[in-house]
Amino acid sequence: MGTVYVTTQRGTITKKGKHLELLVKGQEPCSILTFKLDQLILIGNVQITTPAIRFLLSSGVEIVFLSYDGRFIGRCSGETSKNIFLRREQFRKLESASFVFQMARNIVRGKLKNQLTLLKRIHRTYKPQGLVKIIQDFQFLMGQFEKASTINQVRGYEGKGSALFFRGFPDGFRNRQDFKKRVRRPPTDPVNAVLSFCYTLLMNRVYGAVMSCGLDPHVGSLHALEYGRPSLALDLMEEFRTIIVDTLTLSLFNLKILNNRDFYLWTPHREEPDLKNENLPDVTKDPIGIINACPSEADDSYENSDLDMETEIKNEKELKREKVMPVRLKEDALKRLLQQFERKLKTRFYYRILNRNIDYERAIFEQARLYVKVIKGERETYIPLQLQ
């Protein structure tokens, strides 16, 4: 599996022989090899010709379009899976209220455990005073969650857990960031800008894994059915939010790969400035984000549902009323973020189901396969990936 990001603004992707070329006025053409390529992600003002699109689709490569600030715009993909029998069974299972409830509860339980584990790691590492009470409240919430008996209660606890988690999340930064609460549209500070962008990248990876396994990405359990919403992809990304994105965000700022100078307040028609930064630390070496390398090295001690929906809508209305402009990454900083996101996905850990080490990128696919086995009745329970 492979992904290529194109961030060069006003560039044009064309087909040349058996590969692609990125053409930018005044610069030498840059080749884009398509061997073992799964996704081509175009960010911002990047053009692609019709022959290039046809070539990618015939090669089984998905094209994803994102705005410069990471907002998902759309995707082009080839023929969907021919396994209609799997999708029929998927729809049958999701007609069962008990199946939907159990699946949603397992997903939320996994997410809450990952969030709590990260909060405990932050406390052990930096020992912030206020985090003790948040951890205690989180543990109490998890106890109450186990008593949930309806799907709406499960969703409610997921929202409450996320709100509580992001109260403690700022304590994970060595240097206090201007992060007060989770804000998605628009992101009002550097931390929210990174979280939103990376959650979008993660969702697209999970979406690709779901599609490759022959599942319908729009029919999920935790996320209610909604026109155009990829509910299953959003369900299966929940366990990876903390494991990949939240820990990566802490590492990016704590290791000074990103800082406030890498961001700017966007206004219409403003040019994106640039800032160079070489010899960057390796985010995968930051111990706060590691699951475990092998069974004996386990630590003793986580775009669309990370906030309660009602609270999120209220926040968005307030920001629009105040005419708050979004915070965006500068172009070179965006390239660094994408580089570190890919490096994070290549982090290897011990995956108990296969009884061997794999990387996060493979784990996303394996978790989708695990969901298929539950749908087909080959496994009784879906087990989310856990920070240890």
Protein backbone atom coordinates (compact mmCIF):
# COMPACT_ATOMS: atom_id res chain seq x y z
CA MET A 1 0.00 0.00 0.00
CA GLY A 2 1.24 3.52 -0.81
CA THR A 3 0.04 7.11 -0.76
CA VAL A 4 1.43 10.18 -2.53
CA TYR A 5 0.51 13.72 -1.48
CA VAL A 6 0.73 16.62 -3.93
CA THR A 7 0.83 20.02 -2.18
CA THR A 8 2.52 22.16 -4.85
CA GLN A 9 0.01 24.91 -5.54
CA ARG A 10 -0.88 25.67 -9.17
CA GLY A 11 0.78 22.43 -10.27
CA THR A 12 -0.66 20.19 -12.99
CA ILE A 13 -0.47 16.38 -13.04
CA THR A 14 -0.26 14.82 -16.50
CA LYS A 15 0.23 11.31 -17.88
CA LYS A 16 3.53 10.47 -19.52
CA GLY A 17 3.99 6.88 -20.63
CA LYS A 18 3.51 4.51 -17.70
CA HIS A 19 3.85 7.17 -15.02
CA LEU A 20 2.68 10.67 -14.11
CA GLU A 21 4.44 14.02 -14.11
CA LEU A 22 3.87 17.08 -11.95
CA LEU A 23 4.36 20.24 -14.02
CA VAL A 24 4.93 23.62 -12.38
CA LYS A 25 5.72 26.75 -14.36
CA GLY A 26 9.42 27.61 -14.18
CA GLN A 27 10.42 24.26 -12.61
CA GLU A 28 11.67 20.91 -13.87
CA PRO A 29 8.95 18.20 -14.25
CA CYS A 30 8.67 15.85 -11.27
CA SER A 31 7.84 12.18 -11.89
CA ILE A 32 5.17 10.38 -9.84
CA LEU A 33 5.56 6.62 -9.98
CA THR A 34 2.35 4.62 -9.68
CA PHE A 35 3.85 1.21 -8.85
CA LYS A 36 2.18 -0.05 -5.65
CA LEU A 37 0.32 3.26 -5.34
CA ASP A 38 -3.11 3.10 -3.66
CA GLN A 39 -4.02 6.75 -3.15
CA LEU A 40 -3.07 10.05 -4.76
CA ILE A 41 -4.09 12.93 -2.49
CA LEU A 42 -4.29 16.38 -4.06
CA ILE A 43 -4.24 19.24 -1.54
CA GLY A 44 -5.36 22.72 -2.51
CA ASN A 45 -5.00 24.21 -5.99
CA VAL A 46 -3.62 21.19 -7.88
CA GLN A 47 -4.92 20.26 -11.33
CA ILE A 48 -4.99 16.84 -12.97
CA THR A 49 -5.67 16.04 -16.63
CA THR A 50 -8.32 13.62 -17.90
CA PRO A 51 -5.75 11.11 -19.31
CA ALA A 52 -4.03 11.07 -15.91
CA ILE A 53 -7.35 10.40 -14.16
CA ARG A 54 -8.19 7.56 -16.55
CA PHE A 55 -4.74 6.04 -16.07
CA LEU A 56 -5.03 6.12 -12.28
CA LEU A 57 -8.54 4.67 -12.19
CA SER A 58 -7.61 1.85 -14.58
CA SER A 59 -4.64 1.11 -12.30
CA GLY A 60 -6.87 0.89 -9.22
CA VAL A 61 -5.53 4.11 -7.69
CA GLU A 62 -7.98 6.30 -5.79
CA ILE A 63 -7.76 10.09 -6.19
CA VAL A 64 -8.67 12.16 -3.12
CA PHE A 65 -9.23 15.92 -3.20
CA LEU A 66 -8.66 18.01 -0.06
CA SER A 67 -8.79 21.77 0.41
CA TYR A 68 -5.57 23.46 1.51
CA ASP A 69 -6.75 23.46 5.13
CA GLY A 70 -7.51 19.71 5.02
CA ARG A 71 -11.24 19.77 4.38
CA PHE A 72 -12.41 16.72 2.43
CA ILE A 73 -13.83 17.66 -0.98
CA GLY A 74 -14.32 14.36 -2.78
CA ARG A 75 -12.73 11.28 -4.31
CA CYS A 76 -12.51 9.44 -7.62
CA SER A 77 -12.21 5.67 -7.58
CA GLY A 78 -12.66 2.81 -10.00
CA GLU A 79 -15.06 -0.09 -9.88
CA THR A 80 -16.32 -1.08 -6.42
CA SER A 81 -16.04 -4.59 -4.99
CA LYS A 82 -18.03 -7.28 -6.77
CA ASN A 83 -18.70 -9.12 -3.49
CA ILE A 84 -22.41 -8.33 -3.26
CA PHE A 85 -22.89 -11.29 -0.88
CA LEU A 86 -20.66 -9.68 1.76
CA ARG A 87 -22.45 -6.35 1.47
CA ARG A 88 -25.83 -8.10 1.66
CA GLU A 89 -24.75 -9.78 4.89
CA GLN A 90 -23.44 -6.44 6.16
CA PHE A 91 -26.87 -4.85 5.63
CA ARG A 92 -28.59 -7.82 7.27
CA LYS A 93 -26.40 -7.58 10.36
CA LEU A 94 -27.00 -3.85 10.67
CA GLU A 95 -30.75 -4.42 10.66
CA SER A 96 -30.25 -6.07 14.06
CA ALA A 97 -30.55 -3.56 16.91
CA SER A 98 -28.56 -5.84 19.24
CA PHE A 99 -25.69 -6.13 16.73
CA VAL A 100 -25.57 -2.35 16.22
CA PHE A 101 -25.57 -1.75 19.99
CA GLN A 102 -22.83 -4.30 20.74
CA MET A 103 -20.63 -3.07 17.88
CA ALA A 104 -21.02 0.59 18.89
CA ARG A 105 -20.30 -0.26 22.52
CA ASN A 106 -17.12 -2.15 21.63
CA ILE A 107 -15.91 0.73 19.45
CA VAL A 108 -16.58 3.37 22.12
CA ARG A 109 -15.07 1.22 24.87
CA GLY A 110 -11.88 0.93 22.83
CA LYS A 111 -11.76 4.65 22.13
CA LEU A 112 -12.34 5.59 25.79
CA LYS A 113 -9.63 3.20 26.97
CA ASN A 114 -7.14 4.69 24.51
CA GLN A 115 -8.00 8.22 25.62
CA LEU A 116 -7.61 7.28 29.29
CA THR A 117 -4.29 5.55 28.62
CA LEU A 118 -2.91 8.67 26.93
CA LEU A 119 -4.08 10.89 29.79
CA LYS A 120 -2.30 8.58 32.26
CA ARG A 121 0.88 8.71 30.17
CA ILE A 122 0.75 12.50 30.13
CA HIS A 123 0.34 12.51 33.91
CA ARG A 124 3.28 10.15 34.44
CA THR A 125 5.47 12.17 32.08
CA TYR A 126 4.71 15.76 33.14
CA LYS A 127 2.73 15.33 36.40
CA PRO A 128 0.33 18.27 35.87
CA GLN A 129 -1.75 18.91 38.98
CA GLY A 130 -5.14 19.40 37.34
CA LEU A 131 -4.96 16.17 35.35
CA VAL A 132 -5.51 13.95 38.41
CA LYS A 133 -9.13 15.09 38.77
CA ILE A 134 -9.78 14.70 35.02
CA ILE A 135 -8.44 11.13 35.09
CA GLN A 136 -10.62 10.32 38.09
CA ASP A 137 -13.68 11.77 36.32
CA PHE A 138 -12.79 9.79 33.20
CA GLN A 139 -12.52 6.55 35.15
CA PHE A 140 -15.91 7.24 36.74
CA LEU A 141 -17.39 7.94 33.31
CA MET A 142 -16.06 4.61 32.02
CA GLY A 143 -17.74 2.85 34.92
CA GLN A 144 -21.03 4.54 34.06
CA PHE A 145 -20.53 3.71 30.39
CA GLU A 146 -20.58 -0.02 31.17
CA LYS A 147 -24.16 0.43 32.39
CA ALA A 148 -25.32 1.88 29.05
CA SER A 149 -28.28 -0.05 27.67
CA THR A 150 -29.19 1.90 24.51
CA ILE A 151 -27.33 3.08 21.43
CA ASN A 152 -28.10 6.73 22.29
CA GLN A 153 -26.54 6.30 25.73
CA VAL A 154 -23.42 4.83 24.10
CA ARG A 155 -23.17 7.81 21.77
CA GLY A 156 -23.73 10.17 24.67
CA TYR A 157 -20.87 8.68 26.69
CA GLU A 158 -18.62 8.85 23.62
CA GLY A 159 -19.28 12.59 23.37
CA LYS A 160 -18.79 13.16 27.10
CA GLY A 161 -15.57 11.16 27.05
CA SER A 162 -14.15 13.18 24.16
CA ALA A 163 -15.05 16.47 25.84
CA LEU A 164 -13.35 15.31 29.05
CA PHE A 165 -10.32 14.02 27.14
CA PHE A 166 -9.74 17.35 25.44
CA ARG A 167 -9.86 19.10 28.80
CA GLY A 168 -6.77 17.14 29.79
CA PHE A 169 -5.12 17.03 26.36
CA PRO A 170 -3.39 20.47 26.69
CA ASP A 171 -1.35 19.12 29.62
CA GLY A 172 0.48 16.88 27.15
CA PHE A 173 2.39 19.82 25.64
CA ARG A 174 5.76 20.76 27.09
CA ASN A 175 5.19 24.37 26.15
CA ARG A 176 1.62 25.47 26.73
CA GLN A 177 -0.20 25.87 23.43
CA ASP A 178 -3.11 28.19 22.74
CA PHE A 179 -5.52 25.26 22.85
CA LYS A 180 -8.62 25.64 25.02
CA LYS A 181 -11.11 23.25 23.43
CA ARG A 182 -11.63 21.12 20.34
CA VAL A 183 -12.83 23.33 17.48
CA ARG A 184 -13.23 21.87 13.99
CA ARG A 185 -14.84 24.44 11.72
CA PRO A 186 -12.85 26.54 11.46
CA PRO A 187 -9.78 25.49 13.51
CA THR A 188 -8.91 28.55 15.60
CA ASP A 189 -5.40 27.66 16.75
CA PRO A 190 -2.41 25.58 15.56
CA VAL A 191 -3.29 22.47 17.59
CA ASN A 192 -6.84 22.33 16.26
CA ALA A 193 -5.55 22.90 12.73
CA VAL A 194 -3.22 19.88 13.03
CA LEU A 195 -5.88 17.69 14.65
CA SER A 196 -8.47 18.46 11.98
CA PHE A 197 -6.04 17.94 9.11
CA CYS A 198 -4.72 14.64 10.46
CA TYR A 199 -8.19 13.31 11.31
CA THR A 200 -9.13 13.88 7.66
CA LEU A 201 -6.03 12.03 6.48
CA LEU A 202 -6.79 9.17 8.87
CA MET A 203 -10.41 8.93 7.76
CA ASN A 204 -9.32 8.57 4.14
CA ARG A 205 -6.95 5.72 5.07
CA VAL A 206 -9.72 3.90 6.94
CA TYR A 207 -12.16 4.55 4.07
CA GLY A 208 -9.68 2.99 1.65
CA ALA A 209 -9.26 -0.07 3.88
CA VAL A 210 -13.04 -0.51 4.20
CA MET A 211 -13.47 -0.33 0.43
CA SER A 212 -10.59 -2.74 -0.23
CA CYS A 213 -12.29 -5.31 2.02
CA GLY A 214 -15.50 -5.14 -0.04
CA LEU A 215 -17.59 -3.39 2.62
CA ASP A 216 -20.05 -0.54 2.15
CA PRO A 217 -18.43 2.44 3.96
CA HIS A 218 -21.74 4.27 4.50
CA VAL A 219 -23.44 1.78 6.85
CA GLY A 220 -22.11 1.88 10.42
CA SER A 221 -23.19 1.38 14.03
CA LEU A 222 -21.86 4.18 16.23
CA HIS A 223 -22.40 6.87 13.59
CA ALA A 224 -26.03 7.07 12.60
CA LEU A 225 -27.06 6.76 8.97
CA GLU A 226 -26.94 10.10 7.22
CA TYR A 227 -26.99 11.04 3.55
CA GLY A 228 -23.41 10.97 2.24
CA ARG A 229 -21.80 10.12 5.59
CA PRO A 230 -19.24 7.26 5.50
CA SER A 231 -20.50 5.92 8.84
CA LEU A 232 -18.54 2.66 8.87
CA ALA A 233 -15.26 4.40 8.01
CA LEU A 234 -15.91 6.87 10.84
CA ASP A 235 -16.72 3.99 13.20
CA LEU A 236 -13.49 2.12 12.51
CA MET A 237 -11.29 5.23 12.71
CA GLU A 238 -12.34 5.94 16.32
CA GLU A 239 -9.82 3.52 17.84
CA PHE A 240 -7.02 5.09 15.77
CA ARG A 241 -7.72 8.73 16.67
CA THR A 242 -5.64 8.69 19.83
CA ILE A 243 -3.17 6.01 18.73
CA ILE A 244 -2.15 7.89 15.58
CA VAL A 245 -3.38 11.49 15.48
CA ASP A 246 -3.52 12.66 19.10
CA THR A 247 -0.10 11.25 20.00
CA LEU A 248 1.35 12.55 16.71
CA THR A 249 0.04 16.06 17.44
CA LEU A 250 1.72 16.07 20.85
CA SER A 251 4.98 14.86 19.30
CA LEU A 252 4.94 17.45 16.52
CA PHE A 253 4.84 20.33 18.99
CA ASN A 254 6.87 18.77 21.81
CA LEU A 255 9.73 17.84 19.46
CA LYS A 256 9.49 21.32 17.87
CA ILE A 257 8.80 19.94 14.42
CA LEU A 258 5.98 22.48 14.34
CA ASN A 259 5.64 25.76 16.23
CA ASN A 260 3.41 28.81 16.09
CA ARG A 261 5.53 30.40 13.33
CA ASP A 262 4.45 27.54 11.02
CA PHE A 263 0.85 28.80 11.00
CA TYR A 264 -0.96 31.88 9.82
CA LEU A 265 -4.43 33.36 10.12
CA TRP A 266 -6.07 32.82 6.76
CA THR A 267 -7.86 35.67 5.03
CA PRO A 268 -9.29 35.65 1.47
CA HIS A 269 -6.67 36.07 -1.29
CA ARG A 270 -3.75 35.78 1.12
CA GLU A 271 -0.68 33.93 -0.17
CA GLU A 272 0.60 31.01 1.90
CA PRO A 273 4.06 31.94 3.26
CA ASP A 274 6.88 29.43 3.51
CA LEU A 275 9.27 28.45 6.29
CA LYS A 276 12.17 25.97 6.04
CA ASN A 277 13.20 23.60 8.79
CA GLU A 278 15.74 20.77 8.42
CA ASN A 279 17.08 17.89 10.57
CA LEU A 280 13.79 17.22 12.33
CA PRO A 281 13.35 14.78 15.24
CA ASP A 282 11.61 11.45 14.64
CA VAL A 283 8.03 11.45 16.02
CA THR A 284 7.99 7.64 16.15
CA LYS A 285 10.69 7.72 18.86
CA ASP A 286 8.53 9.79 21.21
CA PRO A 287 7.55 7.25 23.94
CA ILE A 288 4.19 8.92 24.60
CA GLY A 289 2.79 7.59 21.32
CA ILE A 290 4.09 4.00 21.31
CA ILE A 291 1.70 1.06 21.74
CA ASN A 292 4.33 -1.60 22.41
CA ALA A 293 7.21 -3.07 20.42
CA CYS A 294 6.63 -6.68 21.49
CA PRO A 295 4.70 -8.49 24.23
CA SER A 296 7.49 -8.11 26.81
CA GLU A 297 7.94 -4.39 26.19
CA ALA A 298 4.35 -3.32 26.88
CA ASP A 299 4.01 -0.03 28.78
CA ASP A 300 2.58 -0.43 32.32
CA SER A 301 0.57 2.39 32.43
CA TYR A 302 -5.90 6.88 22.09
CA GLU A 303 -13.71 14.15 11.00
CA ASN A 304 -16.63 13.96 12.60
CA SER A 305 -17.62 12.62 16.00
CA ASP A 306 -14.81 13.79 18.34
CA LEU A 307 -17.22 16.26 19.94
CA ASP A 308 -20.80 16.07 21.05
CA MET A 309 -22.75 17.16 17.95
CA GLU A 310 -24.97 19.64 19.76
CA THR A 311 -21.96 21.35 21.36
CA GLU A 312 -20.12 21.38 18.03
CA ILE A 313 -23.00 23.09 16.21
CA LYS A 314 -23.21 25.68 18.98
CA ASN A 315 -19.46 26.35 18.73
CA GLU A 316 -19.64 26.75 14.95
CA LYS A 317 -22.50 29.26 15.19
CA GLU A 318 -20.57 31.30 17.77
CA LEU A 319 -17.44 31.35 15.60
CA LYS A 320 -19.41 32.42 12.53
CA ARG A 321 -21.10 35.17 14.53
CA GLU A 322 -17.69 36.39 15.71
CA LYS A 323 -16.31 36.10 12.14
CA VAL A 324 -13.36 33.98 13.30
CA MET A 325 -10.87 33.19 10.51
CA PRO A 326 -9.26 29.73 10.28
CA VAL A 327 -5.66 29.03 11.24
CA ARG A 328 -3.71 27.23 8.49
CA LEU A 329 -0.34 25.60 8.01
CA LYS A 330 2.30 27.26 5.86
CA GLU A 331 3.27 25.24 2.80
CA ASP A 332 6.59 23.91 4.06
CA ALA A 333 5.06 23.08 7.45
CA LEU A 334 2.30 21.15 5.68
CA LYS A 335 4.95 19.04 3.94
CA ARG A 336 6.59 18.31 7.30
CA LEU A 337 3.25 17.29 8.79
CA LEU A 338 2.53 14.92 5.90
CA GLN A 339 6.03 13.43 6.16
CA GLN A 340 5.61 12.77 9.88
CA PHE A 341 2.08 11.41 9.43
CA GLU A 342 3.43 8.84 6.98
CA ARG A 343 6.31 8.05 9.33
CA LYS A 344 3.82 7.50 12.14
CA LEU A 345 1.85 5.07 9.98
CA LYS A 346 5.05 3.07 9.41
CA THR A 347 5.58 2.61 13.16
CA ARG A 348 5.72 -1.10 13.97
CA PHE A 349 4.18 -2.71 17.05
CA TYR A 350 3.13 -6.14 18.24
CA TYR A 351 -0.31 -7.00 16.80
CA ARG A 352 -1.80 -9.74 18.95
CA ILE A 353 -4.36 -11.03 16.45
CA LEU A 354 -1.64 -11.97 13.94
CA ASN A 355 0.88 -12.69 16.72
CA ARG A 356 3.62 -10.63 15.03
CA ASN A 357 4.84 -7.08 14.47
CA ILE A 358 3.12 -4.95 11.83
CA ASP A 359 2.83 -1.19 11.24
CA TYR A 360 -0.18 1.07 11.83
CA GLU A 361 -0.92 1.28 8.11
CA ARG A 362 -1.29 -2.51 7.94
CA ALA A 363 -3.24 -2.50 11.22
CA ILE A 364 -5.92 -0.25 9.71
CA PHE A 365 -6.44 -2.82 6.97
CA GLU A 366 -6.34 -5.75 9.42
CA GLN A 367 -8.99 -4.14 11.63
CA ALA A 368 -11.24 -3.75 8.59
CA ARG A 369 -10.66 -7.44 7.83
CA LEU A 370 -11.56 -8.25 11.45
CA TYR A 371 -14.85 -6.40 10.96
CA VAL A 372 -15.49 -8.53 7.85
CA LYS A 373 -14.99 -11.68 9.91
CA VAL A 374 -17.55 -10.46 12.45
CA ILE A 375 -20.02 -9.70 9.65
CA LYS A 376 -19.51 -13.20 8.19
CA GLY A 377 -19.87 -14.85 11.61
CA GLU A 378 -16.29 -16.12 11.70
CA ARG A 379 -15.59 -14.10 14.87
CA GLU A 380 -18.06 -13.24 17.59
CA THR A 381 -16.68 -9.89 18.75
CA TYR A 382 -14.91 -6.91 17.19
CA ILE A 383 -11.86 -5.97 19.28
CA PRO A 384 -10.54 -2.41 18.78
CA LEU A 385 -6.81 -1.74 18.75
CA GLN A 386 -5.57 -0.63 22.17
CA LEU A 387 -2.75 1.44 23.60
CA GLN A 388 -1.11 -0.73 26.26
